[in-house]
Protein backbone atom coordinates (compact mmCIF):
# COMPACT_ATOMS: atom_id res chain seq x y z
CA MET A 1 13.96 -29.05 23.59
CA LYS A 2 11.90 -29.80 26.37
CA ASN A 3 10.46 -27.04 28.25
CA ASN A 4 9.10 -29.36 30.99
CA VAL A 5 12.06 -31.19 33.82
CA SER A 6 10.73 -35.01 33.97
CA ALA A 7 11.35 -37.17 36.41
CA THR A 8 11.09 -40.18 33.99
CA LYS A 9 14.43 -41.72 32.79
CA PRO A 10 14.41 -41.51 28.89
CA ALA A 11 15.47 -44.43 27.16
CA ASN A 12 18.27 -43.13 25.53
CA ILE A 13 19.62 -42.76 29.22
CA LEU A 14 18.86 -46.28 30.21
CA LEU A 15 20.87 -47.74 26.98
CA LYS A 16 24.08 -45.20 28.47
CA THR A 17 23.55 -46.50 31.76
CA ALA A 18 23.95 -49.79 30.86
CA ILE A 19 26.76 -50.05 28.06
CA LEU A 20 29.04 -48.07 30.73
CA ALA A 21 27.50 -50.89 33.41
CA VAL A 22 29.42 -53.39 31.43
CA SER A 23 33.08 -51.67 30.90
CA ILE A 24 33.34 -50.30 34.51
CA ASN A 25 35.83 -53.03 36.07
CA HIS A 26 38.05 -52.94 33.07
CA PHE A 27 39.22 -49.28 33.96
CA ALA A 28 39.90 -49.18 37.96
CA VAL A 29 43.26 -50.62 37.80
CA ALA A 30 46.03 -49.37 40.50
CA ASN A 31 48.76 -46.88 38.60
CA ALA A 32 52.15 -47.25 40.11
CA GLU A 33 53.85 -45.71 37.05
CA VAL A 34 55.84 -42.26 38.78
CA LEU A 35 56.41 -39.03 37.21
CA ASN A 36 59.42 -37.45 36.90
CA SER A 37 60.75 -36.46 34.01
CA THR A 38 64.01 -34.45 33.40
CA THR A 39 63.35 -33.11 30.14
CA PRO A 40 61.06 -30.38 28.72
CA ILE A 41 57.56 -31.85 27.93
CA SER A 42 55.99 -30.23 24.94
CA PRO A 43 52.27 -28.75 25.31
CA GLN A 44 51.20 -31.26 22.37
CA ASP A 45 52.42 -34.55 24.50
CA MET A 46 50.94 -32.87 27.61
CA VAL A 47 47.12 -33.20 26.10
CA ALA A 48 47.87 -36.05 25.25
CA GLN A 49 48.82 -37.76 28.35
CA MET A 50 46.14 -35.78 30.73
CA GLY A 51 43.40 -37.99 29.72
CA THR A 52 40.86 -37.43 32.63
CA GLY A 53 41.47 -35.18 35.55
CA VAL A 54 40.04 -33.99 39.01
CA ASP A 55 39.77 -30.77 40.37
CA ALA A 56 40.47 -31.14 43.69
CA THR A 57 39.59 -29.39 47.16
CA TRP A 58 41.91 -30.90 49.76
CA SER A 59 44.49 -28.04 48.76
CA GLU A 60 42.02 -25.34 49.54
CA VAL A 61 39.33 -26.01 52.23
CA PRO A 62 40.54 -25.45 55.56
CA ASN A 63 38.78 -28.98 56.66
CA LYS A 64 39.71 -30.79 53.83
CA ILE A 65 43.38 -30.20 54.12
CA ALA A 66 43.20 -30.91 57.76
CA ASP A 67 41.35 -34.27 56.86
CA TYR A 68 44.11 -35.16 53.62
CA THR A 69 46.01 -38.30 53.51
CA PRO A 70 47.82 -40.10 50.45
CA GLN A 71 45.26 -42.67 50.33
CA ALA A 72 42.63 -39.94 48.80
CA THR A 73 45.22 -39.42 45.95
CA VAL A 74 45.92 -43.46 45.92
CA GLU A 75 42.05 -44.24 45.56
CA PHE A 76 41.71 -41.50 42.73
CA ALA A 77 44.97 -42.73 40.62
CA ASN A 78 43.36 -46.33 41.10
CA LYS A 79 40.51 -45.10 39.56
CA GLY A 80 42.26 -43.95 36.86
CA PHE A 81 42.41 -40.53 36.69
CA LYS A 82 45.79 -38.86 35.15
CA HIS A 83 46.11 -35.59 36.57
CA VAL A 84 44.89 -33.51 39.30
CA ARG A 85 44.44 -29.80 39.65
CA LEU A 86 45.19 -28.51 43.00
CA ARG A 87 43.17 -25.34 43.96
CA LEU A 88 44.77 -23.12 45.97
CA ALA A 89 43.16 -19.97 48.30
CA GLN A 90 45.57 -18.75 50.88
CA ASP A 91 48.27 -16.39 50.81
CA PRO A 92 50.90 -15.78 50.89
CA ALA A 93 52.56 -18.94 48.77
CA ALA A 94 54.94 -20.42 51.60
CA ASP A 95 51.74 -20.88 54.36
CA THR A 96 50.96 -23.73 51.36
CA TRP A 97 53.93 -25.52 51.46
CA ALA A 98 53.19 -27.65 54.64
CA TYR A 99 50.77 -29.81 52.94
CA LEU A 100 50.91 -28.66 49.28
CA ASP A 101 54.42 -30.23 48.50
CA GLY A 102 53.25 -33.74 50.13
CA GLN A 103 50.28 -33.50 47.65
CA ILE A 104 51.86 -32.93 44.62
CA GLN A 105 54.08 -35.46 45.50
CA ASP A 106 51.53 -38.24 45.85
CA ALA A 107 50.47 -37.07 42.49
CA LEU A 108 53.85 -37.40 41.24
CA ASP A 109 54.35 -41.06 42.42
CA ASN A 110 51.06 -41.95 41.35
CA GLY A 111 51.29 -41.20 38.35
CA MET A 112 49.00 -38.11 37.98
CA ILE A 113 50.22 -34.89 36.47
CA PRO A 114 49.79 -32.28 38.99
CA ILE A 115 48.59 -28.46 38.37
CA ILE A 116 49.20 -26.08 40.88
CA ALA A 117 46.08 -23.50 40.28
CA ASN A 118 45.49 -20.16 41.85
CA GLN A 119 41.99 -19.46 43.24
CA SER A 120 43.48 -15.24 42.88
CA HIS A 121 40.05 -14.36 45.37
CA THR A 122 42.02 -10.81 46.33
CA PHE A 123 43.30 -10.05 42.99
CA GLU A 124 39.63 -10.69 41.73
CA ASP A 125 37.52 -9.19 43.74
CA ASN A 126 39.34 -6.14 43.96
CA PRO A 127 42.20 -5.53 41.13
CA ASN A 128 44.95 -2.72 41.29
CA ALA A 129 48.45 -2.07 41.06
CA THR A 130 48.76 -3.95 44.93
CA THR A 131 46.77 -7.00 44.65
CA GLN A 132 48.07 -7.46 41.02
CA ALA A 133 52.09 -7.37 42.28
CA ALA A 134 50.76 -9.47 45.49
CA TRP A 135 49.06 -12.21 43.18
CA VAL A 136 52.17 -11.59 40.97
CA LYS A 137 55.16 -12.59 44.01
CA TRP A 138 52.78 -15.35 44.64
CA TRP A 139 53.38 -16.92 41.74
CA GLU A 140 57.54 -16.11 41.85
CA ASP A 141 57.39 -17.64 45.23
CA MET A 142 55.27 -20.65 44.10
CA ALA A 143 58.40 -20.82 41.48
CA VAL A 144 60.77 -20.60 43.10
CA HIS A 145 60.00 -23.26 45.38
CA TYR A 146 59.11 -25.77 42.99
CA GLN A 147 61.95 -24.63 40.53
CA ASP A 148 63.05 -28.24 40.56
CA TYR A 149 60.57 -30.35 40.64
CA PRO A 150 59.50 -32.76 37.19
CA TYR A 151 58.82 -30.85 34.08
CA GLU A 152 54.89 -33.07 35.21
CA LEU A 153 54.77 -30.02 37.54
CA MET A 154 52.59 -27.08 35.70
CA PHE A 155 51.28 -23.50 37.14
CA ASP A 156 47.31 -22.70 36.42
CA LEU A 157 47.85 -18.95 36.68
CA ILE A 158 44.20 -18.53 37.39
CA VAL A 159 41.32 -21.02 38.47
CA GLU A 160 38.06 -19.08 36.61
CA ILE A 161 36.89 -15.92 36.90
CA ALA A 162 33.63 -14.30 38.19
CA ALA A 163 31.96 -12.92 35.01
CA SER A 164 31.43 -9.76 37.61
CA SER A 165 34.82 -9.52 38.73
CA PRO A 166 36.44 -5.99 37.54
CA LEU A 167 38.96 -8.60 35.47
CA SER A 168 35.90 -9.71 33.65
CA ASN A 169 35.97 -5.64 31.83
CA GLU A 170 36.51 -5.14 28.49
CA PRO A 171 39.26 -4.41 26.80
CA ILE A 172 40.81 -6.28 29.05
CA ASP A 173 44.05 -4.79 29.14
CA GLN A 174 44.77 -5.54 32.93
CA LEU A 175 44.42 -9.16 32.56
CA ASN A 176 46.51 -9.51 29.46
CA THR A 177 48.91 -7.47 31.67
CA ALA A 178 49.10 -9.62 34.68
CA TYR A 179 49.45 -12.59 32.49
CA GLU A 180 52.32 -10.98 31.19
CA GLU A 181 53.82 -10.16 34.51
CA ALA A 182 53.12 -13.82 36.11
CA VAL A 183 54.44 -15.79 33.07
CA THR A 184 57.94 -13.45 33.19
CA ALA A 185 58.25 -13.95 36.68
CA ILE A 186 57.76 -17.52 36.37
CA ARG A 187 60.08 -17.77 33.63
CA ASN A 188 62.79 -16.08 35.24
CA ALA A 189 62.25 -18.02 38.76
CA GLY A 190 65.40 -20.33 37.19
CA GLY A 191 65.52 -24.39 37.79
CA ASN A 192 62.67 -25.95 34.91
CA ASN A 193 60.42 -22.94 35.07
CA ASP A 194 61.74 -21.41 32.10
CA LYS A 195 60.24 -24.80 30.15
CA ARG A 196 57.49 -25.81 32.34
CA ILE A 197 54.22 -25.21 31.13
CA ILE A 198 52.21 -22.31 31.99
CA ILE A 199 48.05 -22.65 31.98
CA PHE A 200 45.80 -19.46 31.41
CA SER A 201 42.92 -19.15 30.34
CA ALA A 202 39.91 -16.18 29.18
CA HIS A 203 38.03 -13.58 31.19
CA LYS A 204 34.16 -14.92 32.30
CA ARG A 205 34.69 -18.03 33.90
CA SER A 206 36.92 -19.21 31.10
CA ASP A 207 34.84 -18.53 28.59
CA PRO A 208 36.39 -20.04 25.13
CA THR A 209 34.49 -17.30 23.20
CA LYS A 210 36.48 -15.15 24.59
CA MET A 211 39.93 -16.52 23.85
CA HIS A 212 40.72 -14.77 21.24
CA LEU A 213 41.31 -11.52 23.66
CA LEU A 214 43.97 -13.07 25.07
CA ASP A 215 47.61 -11.71 24.42
CA ILE A 216 49.65 -14.62 24.35
CA PRO A 217 52.29 -13.75 26.79
CA THR A 218 55.84 -13.15 25.10
CA GLN A 219 58.00 -15.20 27.49
CA GLY A 220 55.63 -18.18 27.25
CA ASN A 221 58.41 -20.06 25.40
CA GLY A 222 56.10 -22.49 23.81
CA TYR A 223 55.31 -24.10 26.86
CA LEU A 224 51.61 -23.23 27.09
CA ILE A 225 48.19 -24.61 27.34
CA GLY A 226 44.83 -22.76 27.09
CA GLU A 227 42.68 -23.78 29.40
CA PHE A 228 38.79 -23.12 28.68
CA HIS A 229 35.32 -23.92 30.78
CA GLU A 230 32.41 -24.93 28.27
CA GLY A 231 29.95 -23.26 31.29
CA TYR A 232 28.39 -26.06 32.80
CA ALA A 233 32.13 -25.76 35.86
CA SER A 234 28.73 -26.04 38.50
CA GLY A 235 26.82 -28.57 36.39
CA PRO A 236 24.08 -28.70 33.92
CA SER A 237 21.03 -26.98 34.39
CA THR A 238 17.62 -27.44 34.50
CA ASP A 239 16.03 -24.48 33.13
CA PRO A 240 15.52 -24.67 29.84
CA THR A 241 16.69 -21.05 28.64
CA ASN A 242 19.78 -21.28 30.35
CA PRO A 243 22.35 -22.10 28.03
CA HIS A 244 24.20 -24.59 29.96
CA TYR A 245 20.63 -26.81 30.06
CA TYR A 246 20.98 -30.74 30.01
CA TRP A 247 18.25 -32.90 30.69
CA ASP A 248 17.62 -35.65 27.65
CA GLY A 249 20.34 -35.29 25.09
CA THR A 250 18.57 -34.13 22.38
CA GLU A 251 20.69 -32.44 19.46
CA ALA A 252 19.94 -29.02 20.68
CA GLU A 253 21.36 -29.55 23.88
CA ILE A 254 24.52 -30.78 21.87
CA THR A 255 25.38 -28.00 19.99
CA LEU A 256 25.10 -26.04 23.50
CA MET A 257 28.15 -28.20 23.94
CA THR A 258 30.01 -28.06 21.00
CA ASP A 259 29.18 -24.57 20.03
CA ARG A 260 31.91 -23.71 22.87
CA ARG A 261 34.03 -26.78 21.77
CA ASP A 262 34.26 -25.41 18.77
CA ALA A 263 35.25 -21.89 19.42
CA ALA A 264 38.63 -23.07 21.97
CA LEU A 265 39.23 -25.09 18.49
CA ALA A 266 39.42 -22.34 16.49
CA TRP A 267 41.93 -20.21 18.87
CA SER A 268 43.51 -23.32 19.66
CA ALA A 269 44.32 -23.88 16.06
CA SER A 270 44.85 -19.57 15.36
CA THR A 271 47.89 -19.87 18.27
CA GLY A 272 48.98 -23.43 17.71
CA ILE A 273 48.63 -23.19 21.73
CA PRO A 274 46.96 -26.91 22.64
CA ILE A 275 43.81 -26.56 25.24
CA TRP A 276 42.14 -28.27 28.09
CA GLU A 277 38.62 -28.25 29.71
CA GLY A 278 39.44 -27.65 33.48
CA ALA A 279 36.16 -28.09 35.18
CA TRP A 280 32.90 -29.77 34.81
CA MET A 281 30.47 -31.33 36.90
CA PRO A 282 28.34 -34.26 35.81
CA GLY A 283 25.01 -32.71 38.10
CA ASN A 284 24.52 -29.32 39.77
CA TYR A 285 25.21 -30.35 42.95
CA ASN A 286 26.02 -26.69 44.53
CA LYS A 287 21.96 -26.07 43.78
CA GLY A 288 20.57 -29.41 45.84
CA ASN A 289 21.30 -31.74 42.53
CA ASP A 290 18.00 -32.33 40.39
CA TYR A 291 20.31 -35.05 38.43
CA ASP A 292 20.27 -38.75 39.39
CA ASN A 293 23.44 -41.17 38.77
CA ALA A 294 21.56 -42.40 35.48
CA ARG A 295 21.08 -38.79 34.22
CA GLN A 296 24.83 -37.92 35.45
CA ILE A 297 26.14 -40.98 33.16
CA ALA A 298 24.10 -40.03 30.43
CA PHE A 299 25.24 -35.90 30.67
CA SER A 300 28.62 -37.26 31.19
CA THR A 301 28.73 -39.58 28.37
CA ASP A 302 27.91 -36.69 25.86
CA PHE A 303 29.90 -34.40 27.33
CA ILE A 304 33.20 -36.21 27.56
CA GLY A 305 32.17 -37.30 24.04
CA VAL A 306 32.10 -33.71 22.27
CA LEU A 307 35.56 -33.60 23.97
CA ASN A 308 37.23 -36.73 22.95
CA GLU A 309 35.95 -35.89 19.54
CA HIS A 310 39.15 -33.79 19.20
CA ASN A 311 41.44 -35.50 21.93
CA ILE A 312 40.39 -32.89 24.44
CA PRO A 313 41.71 -33.93 28.12
CA HIS A 314 39.47 -32.35 30.97
CA ALA A 315 39.27 -32.13 34.78
CA VAL A 316 36.01 -33.24 36.57
CA ASN A 317 34.88 -31.18 39.39
CA ALA A 318 35.65 -32.05 42.53
CA THR A 319 36.94 -34.37 44.74
CA LYS A 320 34.32 -33.42 47.99
CA LYS A 321 31.86 -34.40 45.63
CA PHE A 322 33.01 -37.85 45.04
CA TYR A 323 35.30 -38.95 47.96
CA ASP A 324 35.35 -38.12 51.73
CA VAL A 325 38.90 -37.65 52.88
CA SER A 326 38.06 -37.46 56.11
CA THR A 327 36.73 -41.62 56.18
CA ASN A 328 38.84 -42.62 52.51
CA THR A 329 35.52 -43.70 51.44
CA TRP A 330 33.89 -42.64 48.26
CA THR A 331 30.15 -40.81 48.06
CA SER A 332 27.40 -42.34 46.37
CA LEU A 333 28.41 -41.13 43.44
CA GLU A 334 31.01 -43.30 42.81
CA PRO A 335 28.68 -45.16 39.30
CA VAL A 336 29.44 -41.95 37.87
CA VAL A 337 32.90 -41.72 38.72
CA ASP A 338 33.57 -44.76 37.26
CA ALA A 339 31.42 -44.41 34.50
CA ILE A 340 33.38 -41.41 33.57
CA ILE A 341 36.33 -43.20 33.94
CA ALA A 342 35.08 -46.25 31.98
CA LEU A 343 34.64 -43.96 28.93
CA THR A 344 37.57 -44.21 26.19
CA PRO A 345 40.46 -41.62 27.40
CA ALA A 346 40.76 -38.86 24.70
CA ASN A 347 44.16 -39.85 23.84
CA GLU A 348 43.47 -43.65 23.08
CA VAL A 349 40.24 -42.50 20.79
CA GLU A 350 41.22 -42.97 17.38
CA SER A 351 39.55 -40.21 15.59
CA GLU A 352 39.18 -38.90 11.61
CA ILE A 353 41.03 -35.90 10.69
CA PHE A 354 40.40 -35.30 7.24
CA SER A 355 39.07 -37.65 4.49
CA ASP A 356 38.04 -37.70 1.01
CA ASP A 357 36.39 -40.11 -1.50
CA PHE A 358 35.66 -37.32 -4.02
CA GLU A 359 32.27 -38.44 -4.80
CA SER A 360 31.17 -34.96 -4.37
CA GLY A 361 32.71 -34.77 -7.86
CA ASP A 362 35.11 -32.17 -7.37
CA LEU A 363 38.18 -31.52 -5.25
CA SER A 364 37.12 -28.38 -3.27
CA ALA A 365 38.60 -30.03 -0.81
CA TRP A 366 42.46 -29.13 -2.16
CA ALA A 367 44.37 -26.69 -3.35
CA VAL A 368 45.15 -27.45 -7.08
CA SER A 369 48.01 -26.51 -8.52
CA GLY A 370 50.23 -27.90 -12.39
CA VAL A 371 48.28 -28.80 -15.26
CA SER A 372 45.45 -30.84 -14.82
CA GLY A 373 43.17 -31.48 -11.11
CA SER A 374 40.10 -32.78 -11.63
CA ALA A 375 37.44 -35.54 -10.31
CA ASP A 376 36.56 -37.66 -12.77
CA ALA A 377 34.70 -41.48 -13.00
CA VAL A 378 38.16 -43.02 -14.55
CA ALA A 379 40.27 -42.66 -11.48
CA ALA A 380 37.80 -44.16 -8.61
CA VAL A 381 38.08 -47.34 -7.61
CA GLU A 382 35.37 -47.54 -6.24
CA GLY A 383 32.20 -45.54 -6.53
CA ASN A 384 32.21 -43.00 -8.60
CA TYR A 385 34.68 -40.51 -8.59
CA GLY A 386 38.45 -40.08 -7.47
CA ALA A 387 41.30 -37.98 -8.63
CA LEU A 388 42.77 -37.89 -11.71
CA LEU A 389 46.38 -35.71 -11.62
CA LYS A 390 47.49 -35.49 -15.44
CA ASN A 391 50.62 -34.27 -16.42
CA THR A 392 52.51 -32.42 -13.53
CA THR A 393 49.90 -31.84 -11.06
CA ARG A 394 49.67 -31.39 -7.25
CA ILE A 395 46.82 -31.21 -4.98
CA LYS A 396 47.53 -30.34 -1.18
CA VAL A 397 45.43 -30.16 1.92
CA THR A 398 45.92 -28.12 5.08
CA LEU A 399 45.18 -29.57 8.81
CA SER A 400 45.36 -29.35 11.76
CA THR A 401 47.44 -32.34 14.34
CA LEU A 402 47.06 -30.68 17.37
CA GLY A 403 46.52 -33.17 20.43
CA TYR A 404 47.42 -36.07 18.12
CA THR A 405 50.36 -38.01 19.21
CA SER A 406 49.83 -40.23 16.30
CA ALA A 407 48.28 -39.96 13.09
CA THR A 408 48.59 -41.91 9.57
CA TRP A 409 47.41 -41.34 6.14
CA SER A 410 46.45 -43.76 3.66
CA PHE A 411 44.81 -43.18 0.01
CA ASP A 412 44.46 -45.71 -2.65
CA ARG A 413 46.41 -45.38 -5.89
CA LYS A 414 47.59 -46.60 -9.49
CA THR A 415 49.82 -44.38 -12.19
CA SER A 416 49.65 -44.68 -16.06
CA GLY A 417 51.92 -44.00 -18.41
CA TYR A 418 54.59 -42.99 -16.27
CA ASP A 419 58.14 -42.98 -17.39
CA ASN A 420 61.20 -43.65 -15.67
CA ASN A 421 62.02 -41.66 -12.98
CA GLU A 422 58.80 -40.38 -12.91
CA TYR A 423 56.20 -41.34 -9.14
CA LEU A 424 53.46 -40.17 -7.56
CA LYS A 425 54.42 -38.45 -4.49
CA ALA A 426 53.49 -37.88 -1.06
CA GLU A 427 55.23 -35.23 0.74
CA TYR A 428 54.39 -33.26 3.91
CA SER A 429 55.29 -30.22 5.37
CA ILE A 430 55.44 -28.52 8.99
CA ASP A 431 56.22 -24.89 7.69
CA GLY A 432 52.36 -24.08 6.00
CA GLY A 433 54.32 -25.53 2.60
CA SER A 434 57.04 -23.43 2.28
CA SER A 435 59.20 -26.33 1.95
CA PHE A 436 58.29 -30.66 1.56
CA THR A 437 59.54 -33.83 2.62
CA THR A 438 58.70 -36.96 0.15
CA LEU A 439 57.28 -39.62 2.64
CA SER A 440 56.64 -41.98 -0.49
CA GLN A 441 56.93 -42.19 -4.43
CA THR A 442 55.50 -44.85 -7.10
CA ALA A 443 55.13 -45.33 -10.43
CA ASP A 444 52.65 -48.90 -9.73
CA ASN A 445 49.80 -49.18 -12.48
CA SER A 446 47.84 -51.38 -10.76
CA TRP A 447 45.58 -50.03 -7.65
CA SER A 448 47.32 -50.43 -4.55
CA ARG A 449 46.82 -48.95 -0.83
CA GLU A 450 49.13 -47.31 0.55
CA THR A 451 49.44 -46.49 4.48
CA ILE A 452 51.80 -43.79 5.38
CA ASN A 453 52.49 -42.97 9.49
CA LEU A 454 53.27 -39.37 9.84
CA PRO A 455 56.56 -38.76 11.07
CA ASN A 456 56.71 -36.72 15.21
CA ASP A 457 57.31 -33.68 13.73
CA ALA A 458 53.81 -33.50 11.71
CA LEU A 459 52.34 -33.94 15.07
CA GLY A 460 50.69 -31.20 17.38
CA ILE A 461 51.12 -28.95 14.95
CA ASN A 462 48.07 -26.47 13.36
CA ASN A 463 49.50 -26.06 9.40
CA LEU A 464 50.33 -29.55 8.68
CA VAL A 465 50.25 -29.58 4.58
CA LEU A 466 49.73 -32.83 2.62
CA LYS A 467 50.53 -33.35 -0.41
CA LEU A 468 50.00 -35.63 -3.96
CA VAL A 469 52.09 -35.24 -6.70
CA GLY A 470 52.30 -36.51 -9.95
CA THR A 471 55.63 -35.74 -11.76
CA ALA A 472 55.00 -36.76 -14.98
CA ASP A 473 55.74 -34.73 -17.93
CA LYS A 474 52.61 -35.64 -20.70
CA ASN A 475 48.94 -34.77 -20.34
CA GLY A 476 48.32 -38.60 -21.58
CA GLU A 477 50.77 -39.81 -18.28
CA LYS A 478 48.16 -40.20 -15.59
CA ALA A 479 48.11 -40.54 -11.53
CA TYR A 480 44.61 -41.79 -9.30
CA ILE A 481 43.79 -41.44 -6.29
CA ASP A 482 40.72 -42.57 -4.17
CA ASN A 483 39.65 -42.97 -0.59
CA VAL A 484 42.04 -40.55 1.33
CA VAL A 485 41.66 -40.82 4.61
CA ILE A 486 43.93 -39.43 7.51
CA THR A 487 43.40 -40.75 11.32
CA GLY A 488 44.65 -39.85 14.48
CA GLU A 489 45.09 -40.56 18.07
């Protein structure tokens, strides 16, 4: 990691800029899709649709509210943004509806998923019984007013709790109680609110390493998304001692991103609740901006790449930095916006969920049961090892498919000596292994590549179990397996 900030652009930044410049124009396409879902949307499906979004200040800052016109939403939709978080700082809720109704409808009409987000300043700065009750009432009023809006409309309970706020004090009993009360009030507000998606985040600036302290609201109803911030809501830092340092995209700098992402993923896997990166900046705009456009594009490439590895949607912060609503023109940061959108949306990235070619010489990635399962040279279609199953033997692996809307399971296989009604079966379980459903079965005695499209109920869960089982009854009857790959989008 470098200890000095250099004005010289590293070669990797220039290379990334050149690569992105080639593809920018292919993504600025008008989005005419109107969002008007009358059936509930699962959180797993929602995060797969959210892609790249933006935090909007045109619901929050008085002069931006006054200057806003629908053209601003059209411009962001045409760029390719898929969701917009409408941050609100005004009390009471009814005072926002004169402009918020139109902004939400503009988003829906232009294919952008709208998210209402509460800045919660009064409650956050002085959390007590009175301010908490007023905050819960704000959400109840919002939910009643928007009860019949399409299911694409989501509620984000708190934008971000400052590390200095008393709400960040641990234990976080008051925050958990507030979330419980707000979610209950929203669920009881009628209309579509019983299954409208509600977003909630940890304290200390939506710190993913604190998410394990959150209680899951009892009225979540399976329609919750967890929000986290990797620490770049105000952009990266030029201070090499800062945990959000970024300058050259070194391995150490990327690790600062992946560690916090992995904390959010671990929480998601343990709770079954999908996640969203709710705010990040390409540069440290609030501190004068030490990053030129090329370096912002480099940071964006690395940052979004970390999220894309696990299909995590994200929202860049914020509209006023990129677009002037008073003149309806893009700022000098438009190339950064184009570069962000040019990055492949997370839900379209095919990524590897699991693979095993058994070249480790063992079956350590699998749970093995039955007569005899081992890695053996005789079972290799290529390389040194494959999986050899003798007699009745089962190997299974447990995976998470959270964030995926499609997945494919492929493997090479053949059998030897199988009798009638004996098969090598591929099975799956969505209840942690209590029961299994057969996807395919074969007794072929020559090598062939099996490819299975996993069914819908195997997607968006954190405890999918895949099993390969030989159903023979003699040790001389064998199944051979190699090159197992599970990919998802």
